[in-house]
N, C-alpha and C. Protein backbone atom coordinates (compact mmCIF):
# COMPACT_ATOMS: atom_id res chain seq x y z
N GLY A 1 -50.12 1.77 -21.88
CA GLY A 1 -49.44 1.56 -22.71
C GLY A 1 -50.19 1.37 -24.28
N THR A 2 -50.24 0.91 -25.18
CA THR A 2 -50.84 0.63 -26.71
C THR A 2 -50.70 -0.26 -26.98
N LEU A 3 -52.13 -1.11 -27.56
CA LEU A 3 -51.88 -2.85 -27.82
C LEU A 3 -52.71 -2.63 -29.07
N GLY A 4 -51.58 -3.29 -30.05
CA GLY A 4 -52.07 -3.91 -31.25
C GLY A 4 -51.06 -4.89 -32.06
N ILE A 5 -51.74 -5.43 -33.11
CA ILE A 5 -51.09 -6.46 -33.93
C ILE A 5 -49.72 -6.14 -34.32
N ILE A 6 -49.28 -4.85 -35.07
CA ILE A 6 -48.59 -4.63 -35.55
C ILE A 6 -47.31 -3.87 -34.52
N TYR A 7 -47.69 -3.21 -33.75
CA TYR A 7 -46.96 -2.47 -32.55
C TYR A 7 -48.00 -2.51 -30.99
N SER A 8 -47.22 -2.82 -30.00
CA SER A 8 -47.84 -3.13 -28.64
C SER A 8 -46.83 -2.36 -27.86
N GLY A 9 -47.13 -1.51 -26.69
CA GLY A 9 -46.36 -0.86 -26.09
C GLY A 9 -46.89 -1.04 -24.43
N THR A 10 -45.92 -1.27 -23.58
CA THR A 10 -46.64 -1.44 -22.03
C THR A 10 -45.50 -1.14 -20.82
N VAL A 11 -45.95 -0.95 -19.92
CA VAL A 11 -44.94 -0.60 -19.11
C VAL A 11 -45.80 -0.84 -17.78
N VAL A 12 -45.21 -2.13 -16.99
CA VAL A 12 -45.92 -2.95 -15.63
C VAL A 12 -44.57 -2.90 -14.60
N PRO A 13 -45.30 -2.94 -13.40
CA PRO A 13 -44.21 -2.84 -12.28
C PRO A 13 -43.64 -4.67 -12.53
N TYR A 14 -42.58 -4.47 -11.69
CA TYR A 14 -42.02 -5.81 -11.57
C TYR A 14 -41.93 -6.19 -10.56
N SER A 15 -42.94 -5.49 -9.78
CA SER A 15 -42.82 -6.17 -8.23
C SER A 15 -44.45 -5.35 -7.59
N GLU A 16 -45.72 -5.80 -7.02
CA GLU A 16 -46.78 -5.43 -6.35
C GLU A 16 -46.65 -4.87 -5.52
N GLU A 17 -45.48 -5.23 -4.77
CA GLU A 17 -45.61 -4.96 -3.13
C GLU A 17 -44.73 -3.49 -2.86
N PHE A 18 -45.25 -2.41 -3.02
CA PHE A 18 -44.84 -1.16 -2.73
C PHE A 18 -44.81 -0.10 -1.50
N LYS A 19 -45.84 -0.59 -0.59
CA LYS A 19 -45.86 -0.42 0.42
C LYS A 19 -44.61 1.05 0.98
N GLU A 20 -45.26 1.99 1.02
CA GLU A 20 -44.26 3.29 1.24
C GLU A 20 -43.05 2.96 0.40
N THR A 21 -43.08 2.94 -0.51
CA THR A 21 -41.74 2.79 -1.63
C THR A 21 -41.38 4.14 -1.48
N PRO A 22 -40.05 4.50 -1.36
CA PRO A 22 -39.54 5.58 -1.83
C PRO A 22 -39.58 5.64 -3.40
N VAL A 23 -39.61 6.80 -4.10
CA VAL A 23 -38.98 7.03 -5.35
C VAL A 23 -37.80 6.82 -5.67
N GLY A 24 -36.39 7.60 -5.22
CA GLY A 24 -35.54 7.39 -4.90
C GLY A 24 -34.76 8.55 -6.31
N THR A 25 -33.37 8.75 -6.06
CA THR A 25 -33.15 10.08 -6.73
C THR A 25 -32.40 9.78 -8.02
N LYS A 26 -32.47 8.01 -8.17
CA LYS A 26 -31.74 7.59 -9.32
C LYS A 26 -32.28 6.60 -10.08
N ARG A 27 -32.05 6.97 -11.90
CA ARG A 27 -32.80 5.61 -12.24
C ARG A 27 -31.62 4.63 -12.97
N CYS A 28 -31.89 3.84 -13.72
CA CYS A 28 -31.06 2.97 -14.70
C CYS A 28 -31.66 1.95 -15.39
N VAL A 29 -31.61 2.20 -17.10
CA VAL A 29 -32.58 1.36 -17.42
C VAL A 29 -31.38 -0.04 -18.45
N ILE A 30 -31.98 -0.77 -18.11
CA ILE A 30 -31.02 -1.87 -18.92
C ILE A 30 -32.09 -2.45 -19.49
N GLU A 31 -31.48 -2.78 -21.33
CA GLU A 31 -32.45 -2.98 -22.37
C GLU A 31 -31.84 -5.02 -22.82
N ASP A 32 -32.94 -5.37 -23.25
CA ASP A 32 -32.81 -6.92 -23.84
C ASP A 32 -34.06 -6.64 -25.24
N TYR A 33 -33.08 -7.35 -26.58
CA TYR A 33 -33.89 -7.65 -27.34
C TYR A 33 -34.14 -8.92 -27.66
N GLN A 34 -35.29 -9.04 -28.18
CA GLN A 34 -35.99 -10.44 -28.63
C GLN A 34 -36.06 -10.67 -30.26
N LEU A 35 -35.62 -11.19 -30.65
CA LEU A 35 -36.12 -11.45 -32.42
C LEU A 35 -36.34 -12.91 -32.74
N SER A 36 -37.36 -13.41 -32.73
CA SER A 36 -37.79 -14.89 -33.35
C SER A 36 -37.93 -15.02 -34.27
N GLU A 37 -37.34 -15.73 -34.74
CA GLU A 37 -37.76 -16.08 -36.67
C GLU A 37 -38.96 -16.38 -37.10
N PRO A 38 -39.68 -15.96 -37.75
CA PRO A 38 -41.32 -15.65 -37.90
C PRO A 38 -41.76 -17.42 -38.08
N LEU A 39 -40.69 -18.10 -38.73
CA LEU A 39 -41.30 -19.59 -38.99
C LEU A 39 -41.20 -20.29 -38.12
N THR A 40 -39.99 -20.70 -37.61
CA THR A 40 -39.41 -21.90 -36.25
C THR A 40 -40.17 -21.10 -35.11
N ARG A 41 -40.36 -19.70 -34.96
CA ARG A 41 -40.46 -19.43 -33.75
C ARG A 41 -39.72 -19.53 -32.55
N VAL A 42 -38.35 -19.45 -32.86
CA VAL A 42 -37.24 -19.69 -32.11
C VAL A 42 -36.79 -18.05 -31.34
N THR A 43 -36.73 -18.02 -30.63
CA THR A 43 -36.52 -17.21 -29.84
C THR A 43 -35.36 -16.81 -29.53
N LEU A 44 -34.06 -15.64 -29.82
CA LEU A 44 -33.19 -15.49 -29.37
C LEU A 44 -33.11 -14.09 -28.21
N ALA A 45 -32.77 -14.55 -27.01
CA ALA A 45 -32.61 -13.31 -26.52
C ALA A 45 -31.85 -13.68 -24.80
N ALA A 46 -31.94 -12.39 -24.37
CA ALA A 46 -30.29 -12.54 -22.93
C ALA A 46 -31.81 -12.68 -21.80
N GLU A 47 -31.57 -13.42 -20.52
CA GLU A 47 -32.62 -12.94 -20.06
C GLU A 47 -31.68 -12.60 -18.87
N TRP A 48 -32.37 -11.73 -17.94
CA TRP A 48 -31.97 -11.09 -16.66
C TRP A 48 -31.65 -11.96 -15.65
N SER A 49 -30.68 -12.24 -14.82
CA SER A 49 -30.48 -12.68 -13.82
C SER A 49 -30.51 -11.70 -12.42
N THR A 50 -30.59 -11.98 -11.29
CA THR A 50 -30.90 -10.90 -10.12
C THR A 50 -28.96 -10.24 -10.20
N ASN A 51 -28.05 -10.86 -10.28
CA ASN A 51 -26.96 -10.85 -10.07
C ASN A 51 -26.56 -9.71 -11.69
N TYR A 52 -27.07 -9.94 -12.47
CA TYR A 52 -26.83 -9.14 -13.72
C TYR A 52 -27.44 -7.61 -12.93
N ILE A 53 -28.91 -8.11 -12.88
CA ILE A 53 -29.23 -6.41 -12.62
C ILE A 53 -28.66 -5.94 -11.41
N LEU A 54 -28.20 -6.43 -10.55
CA LEU A 54 -27.85 -5.92 -9.16
C LEU A 54 -26.29 -5.08 -9.84
N ALA A 55 -25.50 -5.58 -10.97
CA ALA A 55 -24.32 -5.16 -11.24
C ALA A 55 -24.34 -4.30 -12.19
N GLU A 56 -25.17 -3.97 -13.14
CA GLU A 56 -25.75 -2.66 -13.76
C GLU A 56 -26.55 -1.57 -13.24
N ALA A 57 -27.03 -1.72 -12.04
CA ALA A 57 -27.70 -0.60 -11.23
C ALA A 57 -26.30 -0.15 -10.28
N LYS A 58 -25.80 -1.33 -9.82
CA LYS A 58 -24.02 -0.58 -9.34
C LYS A 58 -23.47 0.30 -10.08
N LYS A 59 -23.58 -0.15 -11.57
CA LYS A 59 -22.49 0.53 -12.20
C LYS A 59 -22.88 1.70 -12.40
N ALA A 60 -24.32 2.22 -12.55
CA ALA A 60 -25.08 3.55 -12.55
C ALA A 60 -24.88 3.91 -11.36
N GLY A 61 -24.64 3.59 -10.86
CA GLY A 61 -24.80 4.48 -9.31
C GLY A 61 -25.80 4.08 -7.98
N VAL A 62 -26.84 3.11 -8.71
CA VAL A 62 -27.90 2.91 -7.57
C VAL A 62 -27.24 1.96 -6.78
N LYS A 63 -27.19 1.69 -5.31
CA LYS A 63 -26.80 1.36 -4.18
C LYS A 63 -27.81 0.45 -3.63
N ASP A 64 -29.05 1.11 -3.71
CA ASP A 64 -30.22 1.06 -3.17
C ASP A 64 -31.22 0.47 -4.42
N ILE A 65 -31.98 -0.18 -4.80
CA ILE A 65 -32.92 -0.65 -5.58
C ILE A 65 -34.64 -0.45 -4.32
N TYR A 66 -35.09 0.65 -5.27
CA TYR A 66 -36.48 0.98 -4.60
C TYR A 66 -37.86 0.03 -5.11
N TYR A 67 -37.68 0.09 -6.78
CA TYR A 67 -38.54 -0.77 -7.62
C TYR A 67 -38.29 -0.60 -8.57
N ILE A 68 -38.88 -1.13 -9.49
CA ILE A 68 -38.12 -2.16 -10.80
C ILE A 68 -39.56 -1.60 -12.14
N ASP A 69 -39.45 -1.06 -13.32
CA ASP A 69 -40.65 -1.37 -14.24
C ASP A 69 -40.00 -2.11 -15.44
N ILE A 70 -41.10 -2.99 -15.96
CA ILE A 70 -41.03 -3.66 -17.17
C ILE A 70 -41.64 -3.05 -18.39
N LYS A 71 -40.72 -2.18 -19.16
CA LYS A 71 -41.12 -1.97 -20.72
C LYS A 71 -41.06 -2.70 -21.15
N THR A 72 -42.25 -3.02 -22.14
CA THR A 72 -41.98 -4.03 -23.73
C THR A 72 -42.78 -3.44 -24.83
N VAL A 73 -41.80 -3.47 -25.69
CA VAL A 73 -42.42 -2.93 -26.81
C VAL A 73 -42.62 -4.26 -28.33
N SER A 74 -43.34 -4.61 -28.46
CA SER A 74 -43.87 -5.59 -29.13
C SER A 74 -43.91 -5.29 -30.99
N ILE A 75 -43.51 -5.65 -31.71
CA ILE A 75 -43.98 -5.45 -33.22
C ILE A 75 -44.04 -6.74 -33.90
N LEU A 76 -44.79 -6.72 -34.75
CA LEU A 76 -45.43 -7.84 -35.51
C LEU A 76 -46.17 -9.03 -34.70
N LEU A 77 -46.88 -9.12 -33.81
CA LEU A 77 -47.01 -10.29 -32.86
C LEU A 77 -45.69 -10.55 -32.33
N GLY A 78 -45.05 -9.85 -31.66
CA GLY A 78 -43.54 -10.78 -31.16
C GLY A 78 -42.89 -10.80 -31.71
N ILE A 79 -42.59 -10.93 -33.14
CA ILE A 79 -41.54 -11.55 -33.87
C ILE A 79 -40.13 -10.62 -33.50
N TYR A 80 -40.74 -9.35 -33.12
CA TYR A 80 -39.28 -8.38 -32.74
C TYR A 80 -39.88 -7.81 -31.46
N LYS A 81 -39.01 -8.24 -30.43
CA LYS A 81 -39.62 -7.58 -29.10
C LYS A 81 -38.18 -7.10 -28.22
N HIS A 82 -38.53 -5.96 -27.58
CA HIS A 82 -37.84 -5.04 -26.87
C HIS A 82 -38.22 -4.97 -25.53
N LYS A 83 -37.21 -5.10 -24.29
CA LYS A 83 -37.67 -5.31 -22.95
C LYS A 83 -36.96 -4.31 -22.65
N SER A 84 -37.12 -3.42 -21.61
CA SER A 84 -36.28 -2.68 -20.71
C SER A 84 -36.68 -2.66 -19.19
N LEU A 85 -35.57 -3.28 -18.37
CA LEU A 85 -36.03 -2.54 -16.94
C LEU A 85 -35.38 -1.23 -16.49
N ILE A 86 -36.60 -0.94 -15.71
CA ILE A 86 -36.14 0.81 -15.41
C ILE A 86 -36.36 0.48 -13.93
N ILE A 87 -35.20 0.67 -13.47
CA ILE A 87 -34.41 0.71 -12.34
C ILE A 87 -34.43 1.78 -11.45
N TYR A 88 -35.59 2.08 -10.31
CA TYR A 88 -35.32 3.10 -9.48
C TYR A 88 -35.16 2.86 -8.31
N GLY A 89 -34.08 4.22 -7.32
CA GLY A 89 -33.24 3.97 -6.58
C GLY A 89 -32.55 5.02 -6.01
N ASP A 90 -31.45 4.83 -5.00
CA ASP A 90 -30.42 5.43 -4.89
C ASP A 90 -28.73 4.94 -4.72
């Protein structure tokens, strides 16, 4: 990923436990936007719950989740943050 004050972008695994993990044939992306009010730094954000992740994956036709990546884009030192969960499976 790229790191900087104005813009940074990273993709990291949600879990480090891969051990012979299959890639899968399907992919599902769940978006989350965070906006911090610059003066108070109050963050407005949705959190992902396990049930929500499973429900969204199921809607996309992913019954067996093999692994998940988290992609984060941060702008202006985190005032605006966009996270995506990228779910891989079948």
